[in-house]
Amino acid sequence: MIFEVVASKKFNYTGLTVVKKQPLVFSVNGLWKDLGVSCDANGWNGKIVMPLAPWIYDNDLLDSQKAVPGQNYMKLMGKIGEITFEIGNVKNKTILMPDTGELVLFANDIEWLYFNNSGRITVAII
């Protein structure tokens, strides 16, 4: 199965029902952007050099407002019910499903800033 995960959608519903402890093999490809910062599905750390200022802007203060605090901005994540788990930019990686239900995929970002994301990541699951 191949799914496109849209960066600007808070949740990308796959329609795929999984069972707790079911092994799925993930392969991820592509790039997406967070307000112009291009990255793969491992995301980025939130530290950018501001083009008009000689200092570094640190988004760590906003970490608690991300869908999954502690994970990179734009990191590919999975969600089943209320349980989230990291996927990232993987090739042929087996991940055991943490719960039973529909698999949802998304880019980790601040809850109210999905509108400034663009691009898509392709996720193949076997």
Protein backbone atom coordinates (compact mmCIF):
# COMPACT_ATOMS: atom_id res chain seq x y z
CA MET A 1 0.00 0.00 0.00
CA ILE A 2 1.22 3.48 -0.81
CA PHE A 3 0.01 6.61 0.97
CA GLU A 4 0.72 10.29 0.37
CA VAL A 5 1.05 12.27 3.57
CA VAL A 6 0.16 15.92 3.02
CA ALA A 7 2.21 18.28 5.20
CA SER A 8 -0.57 20.84 5.62
CA LYS A 9 -3.12 18.31 6.92
CA LYS A 10 -3.06 17.79 10.66
CA PHE A 11 -4.12 14.17 10.19
CA ASN A 12 -3.86 11.99 7.08
CA TYR A 13 -6.32 9.13 7.55
CA THR A 14 -5.15 5.97 5.75
CA GLY A 15 -8.25 3.82 6.08
CA LEU A 16 -5.87 1.01 7.10
CA THR A 17 -6.98 -0.85 10.23
CA VAL A 18 -4.10 -2.41 12.15
CA VAL A 19 -3.93 -4.75 15.13
CA LYS A 20 -1.83 -4.22 18.25
CA LYS A 21 1.68 -5.74 17.83
CA GLN A 22 1.11 -6.23 14.09
CA PRO A 23 4.43 -5.74 12.26
CA LEU A 24 4.34 -3.31 9.33
CA VAL A 25 7.31 -2.49 7.10
CA PHE A 26 7.62 1.23 6.28
CA SER A 27 9.60 2.91 3.49
CA VAL A 28 9.41 6.68 3.25
CA ASN A 29 10.44 8.99 0.42
CA GLY A 30 10.23 12.69 -0.38
CA LEU A 31 10.62 16.18 1.02
CA TRP A 32 8.21 18.68 2.50
CA LYS A 33 8.45 22.22 3.85
CA ASP A 34 7.69 23.98 7.09
CA LEU A 35 7.39 27.72 6.29
CA GLY A 36 10.02 27.37 3.58
CA VAL A 37 12.40 25.07 5.50
CA SER A 38 12.79 21.94 3.37
CA CYS A 39 13.34 18.60 5.12
CA ASP A 40 12.77 14.89 4.78
CA ALA A 41 10.54 12.83 7.06
CA ASN A 42 13.08 13.06 9.92
CA GLY A 43 12.07 16.71 10.19
CA TRP A 44 14.23 19.53 11.49
CA ASN A 45 15.23 20.81 14.92
CA GLY A 46 13.46 24.17 14.82
CA LYS A 47 16.61 26.28 14.91
CA ILE A 48 16.93 28.60 11.94
CA VAL A 49 19.20 31.50 11.14
CA MET A 50 17.06 34.56 10.56
CA PRO A 51 18.07 36.14 7.22
CA LEU A 52 17.93 39.73 8.51
CA ALA A 53 19.41 39.19 11.97
CA PRO A 54 22.74 37.74 13.15
CA TRP A 55 21.15 35.62 15.85
CA ILE A 56 19.55 32.22 15.96
CA TYR A 57 15.83 31.92 16.56
CA ASP A 58 15.08 28.97 18.82
CA ASN A 59 11.64 27.37 18.65
CA ASP A 60 12.22 25.30 21.81
CA LEU A 61 9.77 27.52 23.71
CA LEU A 62 7.02 26.25 21.39
CA ASP A 63 7.93 22.58 21.81
CA SER A 64 5.00 21.91 24.16
CA GLN A 65 2.59 23.10 21.46
CA LYS A 66 3.73 20.50 18.92
CA ALA A 67 1.48 17.52 18.28
CA VAL A 68 4.29 15.36 19.75
CA PRO A 69 6.55 17.43 22.02
CA GLY A 70 10.20 16.39 22.03
CA GLN A 71 10.17 15.23 18.41
CA ASN A 72 11.50 17.25 15.48
CA TYR A 73 9.29 19.65 13.60
CA MET A 74 7.88 17.92 10.50
CA LYS A 75 8.98 14.44 11.61
CA LEU A 76 6.68 11.80 10.13
CA MET A 77 4.58 10.35 12.94
CA GLY A 78 1.96 7.64 13.22
CA LYS A 79 -1.12 7.64 15.41
CA ILE A 80 -3.58 4.93 16.37
CA GLY A 81 -6.31 6.15 18.69
CA GLU A 82 -4.54 8.25 21.31
CA ILE A 83 -1.16 6.55 20.90
CA THR A 84 1.46 8.28 18.74
CA PHE A 85 4.74 6.84 17.53
CA GLU A 86 7.64 8.01 15.42
CA ILE A 87 8.30 6.80 11.91
CA GLY A 88 10.75 9.27 10.35
CA ASN A 89 12.63 8.86 7.08
CA VAL A 90 13.02 5.07 7.05
CA LYS A 91 13.67 2.41 4.43
CA ASN A 92 12.27 -1.09 4.99
CA LYS A 93 11.90 -0.58 8.75
CA THR A 94 9.59 -2.91 10.67
CA ILE A 95 7.47 -1.18 13.29
CA LEU A 96 5.14 -3.04 15.66
CA MET A 97 1.79 -1.29 15.87
CA PRO A 98 1.20 0.04 19.40
CA ASP A 99 -2.59 -0.39 19.36
CA THR A 100 -5.57 -1.59 17.33
CA GLY A 101 -7.41 0.86 15.08
CA GLU A 102 -6.98 3.06 12.02
CA LEU A 103 -3.44 4.14 11.19
CA VAL A 104 -3.18 7.93 10.86
CA LEU A 105 -0.03 9.61 9.51
CA PHE A 106 1.07 13.23 10.02
CA ALA A 107 3.91 15.73 10.11
CA ASN A 108 4.75 16.78 13.66
CA ASP A 109 4.16 20.51 13.95
CA ILE A 110 2.68 23.14 16.23
CA GLU A 111 -1.05 22.48 16.52
CA TRP A 112 -2.07 25.81 14.93
CA LEU A 113 0.65 26.11 12.26
CA TYR A 114 -0.18 23.36 9.76
CA PHE A 115 -1.39 26.04 7.32
CA ASN A 116 2.21 27.10 6.52
CA ASN A 117 3.38 23.60 5.58
CA SER A 118 3.65 22.38 1.99
CA GLY A 119 4.61 19.25 0.09
CA ARG A 120 3.96 15.54 0.45
CA ILE A 121 5.82 12.49 1.67
CA THR A 122 5.20 9.07 0.11
CA VAL A 123 4.86 6.18 2.57
CA ALA A 124 4.94 2.57 1.36
CA ILE A 125 3.69 -0.01 3.86
CA ILE A 126 3.87 -3.79 3.50
